[in-house]
Amino acid sequence: MVTSSVDSATDAAVEHRIVLAPNCSLTPRGARWFVGSLAVVTFGVAGFFAAQGFWPVLPFAGIEIGLLAWAVRASMRSGSEREVIVVSQDQVVVERRAPTGSLKTVFPRHWARVTLRDPPAPPHRSRLTIESHGRACEVGRFLTDDERRRVAERLARLVGKTSESPALAP
């Protein structure tokens, strides 16, 4: 998911903000319902077979539901990540916000370059980076290739080419 906004206090202090977030349509309540409903069905079937004398089914059912709960929780955690890209008159700031913490990378806008690299082979994905002075920051890792291409086009218009900073319009 890509959202953007323009913050403008004065004409000289225009900054463009792009917020990138993974598409996470499952709410925490929905995740609990999903895991709970599958647990009821799984343990119902496992209980039936355990009553027939096939008791080893129960530990496997427990392991299955435990792994499912772990996977859903990991997916929900990664859905709370955010990448905020702020392009101002003199700098490009990339801030990654994750449950484990926040990381901020600042590039001088005049020397920054936006690069979209094609995937090396079909199963791989493209890579969008902002680069300057030998440093690079990959953005939009969770986006689809189409979304990544659109963000790259927008960033290229805002940042410009190396040693060329186009005027930021509000």
N, C-alpha and C. Protein backbone atom coordinates (compact mmCIF):
# COMPACT_ATOMS: atom_id res chain seq x y z
N MET A 1 0.85 -1.16 0.00
CA MET A 1 0.00 0.00 0.00
C MET A 1 0.89 1.22 0.00
N VAL A 2 0.56 2.21 -0.82
CA VAL A 2 1.35 3.41 -0.94
C VAL A 2 0.43 4.60 -0.70
N THR A 3 0.80 5.45 0.24
CA THR A 3 0.06 6.69 0.44
C THR A 3 1.05 7.82 0.36
N SER A 4 0.59 8.99 0.01
CA SER A 4 1.49 10.13 -0.07
C SER A 4 0.75 11.39 0.31
N SER A 5 1.53 12.37 0.73
CA SER A 5 0.95 13.66 1.08
C SER A 5 2.01 14.73 0.88
N VAL A 6 1.56 15.97 0.80
CA VAL A 6 2.46 17.10 0.67
C VAL A 6 2.21 17.99 1.87
N ASP A 7 3.26 18.27 2.62
CA ASP A 7 3.18 19.18 3.75
C ASP A 7 3.82 20.49 3.34
N SER A 8 3.13 21.59 3.54
CA SER A 8 3.67 22.86 3.10
C SER A 8 3.36 23.93 4.14
N ALA A 9 4.39 24.43 4.81
CA ALA A 9 4.21 25.54 5.73
C ALA A 9 4.39 26.85 4.97
N THR A 10 5.43 26.91 4.15
CA THR A 10 5.67 28.04 3.27
C THR A 10 6.11 27.47 1.94
N ASP A 11 6.21 28.34 0.95
CA ASP A 11 6.64 27.87 -0.36
C ASP A 11 8.08 27.35 -0.33
N ALA A 12 8.91 27.89 0.57
CA ALA A 12 10.31 27.47 0.64
C ALA A 12 10.48 26.14 1.37
N ALA A 13 9.51 25.78 2.21
CA ALA A 13 9.65 24.57 3.02
C ALA A 13 8.66 23.49 2.59
N VAL A 14 8.66 23.15 1.32
CA VAL A 14 7.78 22.11 0.81
C VAL A 14 8.47 20.77 0.98
N GLU A 15 7.73 19.80 1.49
CA GLU A 15 8.28 18.45 1.56
C GLU A 15 7.20 17.46 1.15
N HIS A 16 7.64 16.45 0.44
CA HIS A 16 6.75 15.39 -0.02
C HIS A 16 7.00 14.16 0.84
N ARG A 17 5.92 13.57 1.32
CA ARG A 17 6.01 12.41 2.21
C ARG A 17 5.33 11.23 1.52
N ILE A 18 6.05 10.12 1.40
CA ILE A 18 5.50 8.89 0.84
C ILE A 18 5.57 7.83 1.93
N VAL A 19 4.43 7.24 2.25
CA VAL A 19 4.36 6.20 3.28
C VAL A 19 4.10 4.87 2.60
N LEU A 20 5.01 3.92 2.80
CA LEU A 20 4.87 2.59 2.23
C LEU A 20 4.55 1.61 3.35
N ALA A 21 3.55 0.76 3.12
CA ALA A 21 3.15 -0.22 4.13
C ALA A 21 2.71 -1.49 3.42
N PRO A 22 3.00 -2.65 4.01
CA PRO A 22 2.53 -3.90 3.39
C PRO A 22 1.01 -3.99 3.46
N ASN A 23 0.44 -4.70 2.51
CA ASN A 23 -1.00 -4.89 2.49
C ASN A 23 -1.34 -6.00 3.50
N CYS A 24 -1.95 -5.62 4.59
CA CYS A 24 -2.30 -6.58 5.64
C CYS A 24 -3.80 -6.46 5.90
N SER A 25 -4.57 -7.29 5.24
CA SER A 25 -6.02 -7.18 5.34
C SER A 25 -6.61 -7.90 6.54
N LEU A 26 -5.82 -8.73 7.20
CA LEU A 26 -6.32 -9.49 8.35
C LEU A 26 -6.10 -8.68 9.63
N THR A 27 -7.16 -8.46 10.38
CA THR A 27 -7.06 -7.74 11.65
C THR A 27 -6.65 -8.72 12.75
N PRO A 28 -6.18 -8.23 13.89
CA PRO A 28 -5.84 -9.15 14.98
C PRO A 28 -7.05 -9.99 15.42
N ARG A 29 -8.22 -9.38 15.47
CA ARG A 29 -9.43 -10.14 15.83
C ARG A 29 -9.72 -11.21 14.78
N GLY A 30 -9.59 -10.87 13.51
CA GLY A 30 -9.79 -11.84 12.44
C GLY A 30 -8.79 -12.97 12.50
N ALA A 31 -7.55 -12.65 12.87
CA ALA A 31 -6.52 -13.69 12.99
C ALA A 31 -6.87 -14.67 14.12
N ARG A 32 -7.36 -14.14 15.24
CA ARG A 32 -7.76 -15.02 16.34
C ARG A 32 -8.91 -15.92 15.92
N TRP A 33 -9.90 -15.36 15.20
CA TRP A 33 -11.02 -16.18 14.72
C TRP A 33 -10.54 -17.25 13.75
N PHE A 34 -9.63 -16.90 12.86
CA PHE A 34 -9.11 -17.84 11.88
C PHE A 34 -8.40 -19.01 12.56
N VAL A 35 -7.46 -18.70 13.45
CA VAL A 35 -6.71 -19.76 14.14
C VAL A 35 -7.64 -20.56 15.04
N GLY A 36 -8.54 -19.88 15.74
CA GLY A 36 -9.47 -20.57 16.63
C GLY A 36 -10.40 -21.51 15.90
N SER A 37 -10.95 -21.07 14.76
CA SER A 37 -11.87 -21.94 14.01
C SER A 37 -11.14 -23.17 13.45
N LEU A 38 -9.91 -22.97 12.97
CA LEU A 38 -9.15 -24.13 12.49
C LEU A 38 -8.76 -25.05 13.63
N ALA A 39 -8.50 -24.48 14.80
CA ALA A 39 -8.17 -25.32 15.97
C ALA A 39 -9.37 -26.17 16.38
N VAL A 40 -10.56 -25.59 16.36
CA VAL A 40 -11.77 -26.35 16.73
C VAL A 40 -11.97 -27.51 15.77
N VAL A 41 -11.86 -27.24 14.47
CA VAL A 41 -12.06 -28.30 13.48
C VAL A 41 -10.97 -29.37 13.61
N THR A 42 -9.71 -28.93 13.71
CA THR A 42 -8.60 -29.87 13.79
C THR A 42 -8.70 -30.76 15.03
N PHE A 43 -8.96 -30.13 16.19
CA PHE A 43 -9.04 -30.93 17.42
C PHE A 43 -10.32 -31.76 17.45
N GLY A 44 -11.36 -31.32 16.77
CA GLY A 44 -12.57 -32.16 16.65
C GLY A 44 -12.29 -33.44 15.90
N VAL A 45 -11.63 -33.31 14.75
CA VAL A 45 -11.27 -34.49 13.95
C VAL A 45 -10.26 -35.35 14.70
N ALA A 46 -9.26 -34.72 15.33
CA ALA A 46 -8.25 -35.47 16.08
C ALA A 46 -8.89 -36.18 17.27
N GLY A 47 -9.83 -35.54 17.93
CA GLY A 47 -10.53 -36.16 19.07
C GLY A 47 -11.34 -37.37 18.63
N PHE A 48 -11.98 -37.27 17.46
CA PHE A 48 -12.74 -38.40 16.93
C PHE A 48 -11.82 -39.60 16.71
N PHE A 49 -10.68 -39.35 16.06
CA PHE A 49 -9.75 -40.45 15.79
C PHE A 49 -9.09 -40.97 17.07
N ALA A 50 -8.84 -40.08 18.03
CA ALA A 50 -8.27 -40.52 19.31
C ALA A 50 -9.26 -41.42 20.04
N ALA A 51 -10.55 -41.13 19.94
CA ALA A 51 -11.58 -41.97 20.58
C ALA A 51 -11.65 -43.34 19.91
N GLN A 52 -11.24 -43.42 18.66
CA GLN A 52 -11.22 -44.69 17.93
C GLN A 52 -9.96 -45.50 18.24
N GLY A 53 -9.05 -44.91 19.03
CA GLY A 53 -7.83 -45.63 19.38
C GLY A 53 -6.59 -45.10 18.70
N PHE A 54 -6.72 -44.11 17.85
CA PHE A 54 -5.56 -43.54 17.15
C PHE A 54 -5.06 -42.30 17.91
N TRP A 55 -4.67 -42.47 19.16
CA TRP A 55 -4.27 -41.36 20.02
C TRP A 55 -3.05 -40.58 19.53
N PRO A 56 -2.12 -41.17 18.72
CA PRO A 56 -0.97 -40.36 18.27
C PRO A 56 -1.36 -39.17 17.40
N VAL A 57 -2.59 -39.10 16.96
CA VAL A 57 -3.05 -37.97 16.14
C VAL A 57 -3.05 -36.67 16.96
N LEU A 58 -3.34 -36.75 18.25
CA LEU A 58 -3.48 -35.56 19.09
C LEU A 58 -2.21 -34.70 19.15
N PRO A 59 -1.03 -35.27 19.40
CA PRO A 59 0.17 -34.41 19.43
C PRO A 59 0.44 -33.72 18.09
N PHE A 60 0.18 -34.43 17.00
CA PHE A 60 0.40 -33.83 15.68
C PHE A 60 -0.59 -32.70 15.42
N ALA A 61 -1.81 -32.85 15.89
CA ALA A 61 -2.80 -31.77 15.75
C ALA A 61 -2.35 -30.55 16.56
N GLY A 62 -1.83 -30.78 17.76
CA GLY A 62 -1.34 -29.68 18.57
C GLY A 62 -0.17 -28.96 17.93
N ILE A 63 0.77 -29.73 17.38
CA ILE A 63 1.92 -29.14 16.69
C ILE A 63 1.46 -28.33 15.48
N GLU A 64 0.50 -28.86 14.74
CA GLU A 64 -0.02 -28.18 13.55
C GLU A 64 -0.64 -26.84 13.92
N ILE A 65 -1.47 -26.81 14.94
CA ILE A 65 -2.12 -25.56 15.34
C ILE A 65 -1.09 -24.59 15.93
N GLY A 66 -0.11 -25.10 16.66
CA GLY A 66 0.94 -24.24 17.21
C GLY A 66 1.75 -23.57 16.11
N LEU A 67 2.11 -24.32 15.08
CA LEU A 67 2.85 -23.75 13.96
C LEU A 67 2.00 -22.74 13.18
N LEU A 68 0.72 -23.05 13.01
CA LEU A 68 -0.17 -22.11 12.33
C LEU A 68 -0.27 -20.80 13.11
N ALA A 69 -0.44 -20.88 14.43
CA ALA A 69 -0.53 -19.67 15.26
C ALA A 69 0.77 -18.87 15.17
N TRP A 70 1.92 -19.55 15.18
CA TRP A 70 3.21 -18.87 15.07
C TRP A 70 3.33 -18.15 13.72
N ALA A 71 2.93 -18.83 12.63
CA ALA A 71 3.03 -18.24 11.29
C ALA A 71 2.10 -17.04 11.14
N VAL A 72 0.89 -17.14 11.66
CA VAL A 72 -0.04 -16.01 11.57
C VAL A 72 0.48 -14.83 12.38
N ARG A 73 1.04 -15.10 13.54
CA ARG A 73 1.58 -14.03 14.39
C ARG A 73 2.76 -13.35 13.69
N ALA A 74 3.63 -14.12 13.07
CA ALA A 74 4.77 -13.54 12.35
C ALA A 74 4.28 -12.69 11.18
N SER A 75 3.26 -13.15 10.49
CA SER A 75 2.70 -12.38 9.38
C SER A 75 2.08 -11.08 9.87
N MET A 76 1.38 -11.14 10.98
CA MET A 76 0.75 -9.94 11.53
C MET A 76 1.82 -8.94 11.99
N ARG A 77 2.92 -9.43 12.55
CA ARG A 77 4.00 -8.55 12.99
C ARG A 77 4.64 -7.84 11.80
N SER A 78 4.88 -8.56 10.73
CA SER A 78 5.51 -7.93 9.56
C SER A 78 4.55 -6.96 8.87
N GLY A 79 3.26 -7.12 9.10
CA GLY A 79 2.27 -6.20 8.53
C GLY A 79 2.26 -4.84 9.19
N SER A 80 2.93 -4.70 10.32
CA SER A 80 2.96 -3.41 11.00
C SER A 80 4.18 -2.57 10.61
N GLU A 81 4.99 -3.06 9.69
CA GLU A 81 6.15 -2.30 9.22
C GLU A 81 5.69 -1.09 8.41
N ARG A 82 6.49 -0.04 8.44
CA ARG A 82 6.23 1.16 7.64
C ARG A 82 7.56 1.70 7.13
N GLU A 83 7.52 2.27 5.94
CA GLU A 83 8.66 3.00 5.42
C GLU A 83 8.15 4.38 5.04
N VAL A 84 8.74 5.40 5.62
CA VAL A 84 8.33 6.78 5.35
C VAL A 84 9.49 7.46 4.62
N ILE A 85 9.21 7.96 3.43
CA ILE A 85 10.22 8.65 2.63
C ILE A 85 9.80 10.12 2.54
N VAL A 86 10.66 11.00 3.04
CA VAL A 86 10.37 12.43 3.02
C VAL A 86 11.40 13.10 2.12
N VAL A 87 10.90 13.75 1.06
CA VAL A 87 11.76 14.47 0.13
C VAL A 87 11.54 15.96 0.38
N SER A 88 12.59 16.63 0.87
CA SER A 88 12.51 18.07 1.09
C SER A 88 13.45 18.76 0.12
N GLN A 89 13.58 20.07 0.27
CA GLN A 89 14.38 20.85 -0.67
C GLN A 89 15.84 20.41 -0.69
N ASP A 90 16.39 19.99 0.46
CA ASP A 90 17.81 19.67 0.49
C ASP A 90 18.16 18.24 0.90
N GLN A 91 17.18 17.42 1.28
CA GLN A 91 17.52 16.06 1.67
C GLN A 91 16.38 15.07 1.40
N VAL A 92 16.79 13.81 1.37
CA VAL A 92 15.85 12.69 1.25
C VAL A 92 16.04 11.84 2.51
N VAL A 93 14.96 11.68 3.26
CA VAL A 93 15.03 10.93 4.51
C VAL A 93 14.19 9.67 4.36
N VAL A 94 14.79 8.52 4.65
CA VAL A 94 14.08 7.24 4.63
C VAL A 94 14.05 6.74 6.07
N GLU A 95 12.84 6.56 6.60
CA GLU A 95 12.70 6.05 7.96
C GLU A 95 11.93 4.75 7.92
N ARG A 96 12.56 3.69 8.45
CA ARG A 96 11.92 2.37 8.55
C ARG A 96 11.39 2.21 9.97
N ARG A 97 10.10 1.92 10.08
CA ARG A 97 9.50 1.70 11.39
C ARG A 97 9.02 0.26 11.43
N ALA A 98 9.56 -0.50 12.39
CA ALA A 98 9.21 -1.90 12.55
C ALA A 98 8.95 -2.15 14.03
N PRO A 99 8.34 -3.29 14.36
CA PRO A 99 8.13 -3.60 15.78
C PRO A 99 9.43 -3.67 16.58
N THR A 100 10.54 -3.96 15.91
CA THR A 100 11.82 -4.08 16.61
C THR A 100 12.52 -2.74 16.80
N GLY A 101 12.04 -1.69 16.14
CA GLY A 101 12.67 -0.38 16.29
C GLY A 101 12.56 0.43 15.01
N SER A 102 13.25 1.56 15.01
CA SER A 102 13.19 2.48 13.89
C SER A 102 14.60 2.77 13.40
N LEU A 103 14.75 2.93 12.08
CA LEU A 103 16.05 3.22 11.48
C LEU A 103 15.86 4.36 10.49
N LYS A 104 16.70 5.39 10.61
CA LYS A 104 16.58 6.57 9.76
C LYS A 104 17.84 6.73 8.93
N THR A 105 17.67 6.94 7.61
CA THR A 105 18.79 7.16 6.71
C THR A 105 18.55 8.47 5.98
N VAL A 106 19.56 9.34 5.96
CA VAL A 106 19.43 10.66 5.34
C VAL A 106 20.42 10.76 4.19
N PHE A 107 19.93 11.24 3.04
CA PHE A 107 20.75 11.46 1.85
C PHE A 107 20.63 12.92 1.44
N PRO A 108 21.73 13.54 0.97
CA PRO A 108 21.60 14.89 0.40
C PRO A 108 20.86 14.78 -0.94
N ARG A 109 19.79 15.53 -1.08
CA ARG A 109 18.94 15.40 -2.28
C ARG A 109 19.71 15.69 -3.56
N HIS A 110 20.60 16.65 -3.52
CA HIS A 110 21.33 17.05 -4.72
C HIS A 110 22.18 15.92 -5.28
N TRP A 111 22.66 15.01 -4.41
CA TRP A 111 23.53 13.92 -4.86
C TRP A 111 22.83 12.57 -4.84
N ALA A 112 21.59 12.53 -4.45
CA ALA A 112 20.87 11.25 -4.36
C ALA A 112 20.45 10.77 -5.75
N ARG A 113 20.34 9.46 -5.85
CA ARG A 113 19.93 8.83 -7.11
C ARG A 113 18.95 7.71 -6.79
N VAL A 114 17.86 7.64 -7.55
CA VAL A 114 16.86 6.59 -7.40
C VAL A 114 17.14 5.55 -8.48
N THR A 115 17.30 4.28 -8.07
CA THR A 115 17.63 3.22 -9.02
C THR A 115 16.66 2.06 -8.85
N LEU A 116 16.06 1.64 -9.94
CA LEU A 116 15.21 0.45 -9.96
C LEU A 116 15.94 -0.60 -10.78
N ARG A 117 16.41 -1.64 -10.09
CA ARG A 117 17.17 -2.71 -10.75
C ARG A 117 16.22 -3.84 -11.15
N ASP A 118 16.37 -4.31 -12.37
CA ASP A 118 15.58 -5.44 -12.84
C ASP A 118 15.97 -6.70 -12.09
N PRO A 119 15.04 -7.65 -11.99
CA PRO A 119 15.38 -8.90 -11.31
C PRO A 119 16.41 -9.69 -12.11
N PRO A 120 17.34 -10.38 -11.42
CA PRO A 120 18.36 -11.15 -12.15
C PRO A 120 17.79 -12.36 -12.88
N ALA A 121 16.71 -12.92 -12.38
CA ALA A 121 16.07 -14.08 -13.00
C ALA A 121 14.57 -14.00 -12.71
N PRO A 122 13.73 -14.71 -13.47
CA PRO A 122 12.28 -14.61 -13.32
C PRO A 122 11.69 -14.79 -11.92
N PRO A 123 12.16 -15.72 -11.10
CA PRO A 123 11.49 -15.84 -9.81
C PRO A 123 11.84 -14.72 -8.83
N HIS A 124 12.88 -13.93 -9.12
CA HIS A 124 13.31 -12.87 -8.21
C HIS A 124 12.51 -11.60 -8.47
N ARG A 125 12.65 -10.64 -7.59
CA ARG A 125 11.91 -9.39 -7.71
C ARG A 125 12.86 -8.25 -8.01
N SER A 126 12.33 -7.15 -8.49
CA SER A 126 13.16 -5.97 -8.74
C SER A 126 13.54 -5.34 -7.40
N ARG A 127 14.54 -4.44 -7.44
CA ARG A 127 15.00 -3.76 -6.22
C ARG A 127 15.01 -2.26 -6.46
N LEU A 128 14.40 -1.53 -5.54
CA LEU A 128 14.36 -0.07 -5.60
C LEU A 128 15.28 0.48 -4.52
N THR A 129 16.28 1.26 -4.93
CA THR A 129 17.22 1.82 -3.96
C THR A 129 17.35 3.32 -4.14
N ILE A 130 17.67 3.98 -3.04
CA ILE A 130 18.08 5.38 -3.06
C ILE A 130 19.55 5.36 -2.67
N GLU A 131 20.39 6.00 -3.49
CA GLU A 131 21.84 5.90 -3.31
C GLU A 131 22.49 7.28 -3.30
N SER A 132 23.58 7.39 -2.55
CA SER A 132 24.37 8.61 -2.56
C SER A 132 25.67 8.36 -1.81
N HIS A 133 26.79 8.85 -2.35
CA HIS A 133 28.09 8.77 -1.70
C HIS A 133 28.45 7.36 -1.24
N GLY A 134 28.18 6.36 -2.06
CA GLY A 134 28.55 4.99 -1.75
C GLY A 134 27.62 4.27 -0.79
N ARG A 135 26.57 4.94 -0.34
CA ARG A 135 25.58 4.31 0.54
C ARG A 135 24.30 4.07 -0.26
N ALA A 136 23.60 3.01 0.10
CA ALA A 136 22.34 2.70 -0.57
C ALA A 136 21.32 2.23 0.46
N CYS A 137 20.06 2.52 0.20
CA CYS A 137 18.98 2.11 1.08
C CYS A 137 17.87 1.54 0.20
N GLU A 138 17.57 0.27 0.39
CA GLU A 138 16.50 -0.36 -0.39
C GLU A 138 15.16 -0.01 0.25
N VAL A 139 14.20 0.38 -0.59
CA VAL A 139 12.86 0.72 -0.10
C VAL A 139 11.82 -0.11 -0.86
N GLY A 140 10.70 -0.33 -0.22
CA GLY A 140 9.58 -1.03 -0.86
C GLY A 140 9.81 -2.50 -1.09
N ARG A 141 10.52 -3.17 -0.18
CA ARG A 141 10.79 -4.61 -0.36
C ARG A 141 9.50 -5.42 -0.37
N PHE A 142 8.47 -4.97 0.30
CA PHE A 142 7.21 -5.71 0.40
C PHE A 142 6.22 -5.34 -0.68
N LEU A 143 6.56 -4.44 -1.58
CA LEU A 143 5.66 -4.03 -2.66
C LEU A 143 5.73 -5.00 -3.82
N THR A 144 4.69 -4.99 -4.65
CA THR A 144 4.74 -5.76 -5.88
C THR A 144 5.64 -5.03 -6.88
N ASP A 145 6.05 -5.71 -7.95
CA ASP A 145 6.91 -5.06 -8.94
C ASP A 145 6.24 -3.84 -9.56
N ASP A 146 4.94 -3.92 -9.82
CA ASP A 146 4.20 -2.78 -10.37
C ASP A 146 4.20 -1.59 -9.41
N GLU A 147 3.90 -1.85 -8.15
CA GLU A 147 3.90 -0.78 -7.15
C GLU A 147 5.30 -0.18 -7.00
N ARG A 148 6.31 -1.04 -7.00
CA ARG A 148 7.69 -0.58 -6.87
C ARG A 148 8.08 0.30 -8.06
N ARG A 149 7.63 -0.05 -9.26
CA ARG A 149 7.92 0.76 -10.45
C ARG A 149 7.27 2.13 -10.34
N ARG A 150 6.00 2.18 -9.87
CA ARG A 150 5.30 3.46 -9.72
C ARG A 150 5.97 4.34 -8.66
N VAL A 151 6.40 3.75 -7.56
CA VAL A 151 7.10 4.52 -6.52
C VAL A 151 8.43 5.03 -7.07
N ALA A 152 9.13 4.21 -7.85
CA ALA A 152 10.41 4.63 -8.44
C ALA A 152 10.21 5.83 -9.37
N GLU A 153 9.16 5.79 -10.18
CA GLU A 153 8.87 6.92 -11.08
C GLU A 153 8.59 8.19 -10.29
N ARG A 154 7.80 8.07 -9.24
CA ARG A 154 7.46 9.24 -8.43
C ARG A 154 8.70 9.79 -7.72
N LEU A 155 9.50 8.90 -7.15
CA LEU A 155 10.72 9.34 -6.48
C LEU A 155 11.70 9.97 -7.46
N ALA A 156 11.82 9.41 -8.65
CA ALA A 156 12.73 9.96 -9.66
C ALA A 156 12.32 11.39 -10.03
N ARG A 157 11.00 11.64 -10.12
CA ARG A 157 10.52 13.00 -10.41
C ARG A 157 10.84 13.95 -9.25
N LEU A 158 10.71 13.48 -8.01
CA LEU A 158 10.95 14.33 -6.85
C LEU A 158 12.43 14.57 -6.58
N VAL A 159 13.23 13.51 -6.69
CA VAL A 159 14.64 13.61 -6.35
C VAL A 159 15.45 14.16 -7.52
N GLY A 160 15.12 13.76 -8.74
CA GLY A 160 15.88 14.19 -9.91
C GLY A 160 17.09 13.31 -10.12
N LYS A 161 17.92 13.70 -11.07
CA LYS A 161 19.15 12.96 -11.34
C LYS A 161 20.26 13.49 -10.44
N THR A 162 21.37 12.76 -10.39
CA THR A 162 22.51 13.19 -9.58
C THR A 162 22.94 14.58 -10.00
N SER A 163 23.19 15.45 -9.03
CA SER A 163 23.59 16.85 -9.19
C SER A 163 22.53 17.67 -9.93
N GLU A 164 21.28 17.25 -9.86
CA GLU A 164 20.18 18.00 -10.46
C GLU A 164 18.99 17.87 -9.53
N SER A 165 18.58 18.94 -8.90
CA SER A 165 17.45 18.89 -7.96
C SER A 165 16.29 19.71 -8.52
N PRO A 166 15.26 19.05 -9.06
CA PRO A 166 14.13 19.81 -9.59
C PRO A 166 13.39 20.52 -8.47
N ALA A 167 12.73 21.61 -8.82
CA ALA A 167 11.95 22.37 -7.84
C ALA A 167 10.79 21.51 -7.35
N LEU A 168 10.52 21.55 -6.06
CA LEU A 168 9.41 20.80 -5.47
C LEU A 168 8.16 21.65 -5.52
N ALA A 169 7.17 21.19 -6.24
CA ALA A 169 5.89 21.91 -6.32
C ALA A 169 4.99 21.42 -5.20
N PRO A 170 4.23 22.31 -4.60
CA PRO A 170 3.32 21.89 -3.52
C PRO A 170 2.20 21.00 -4.00
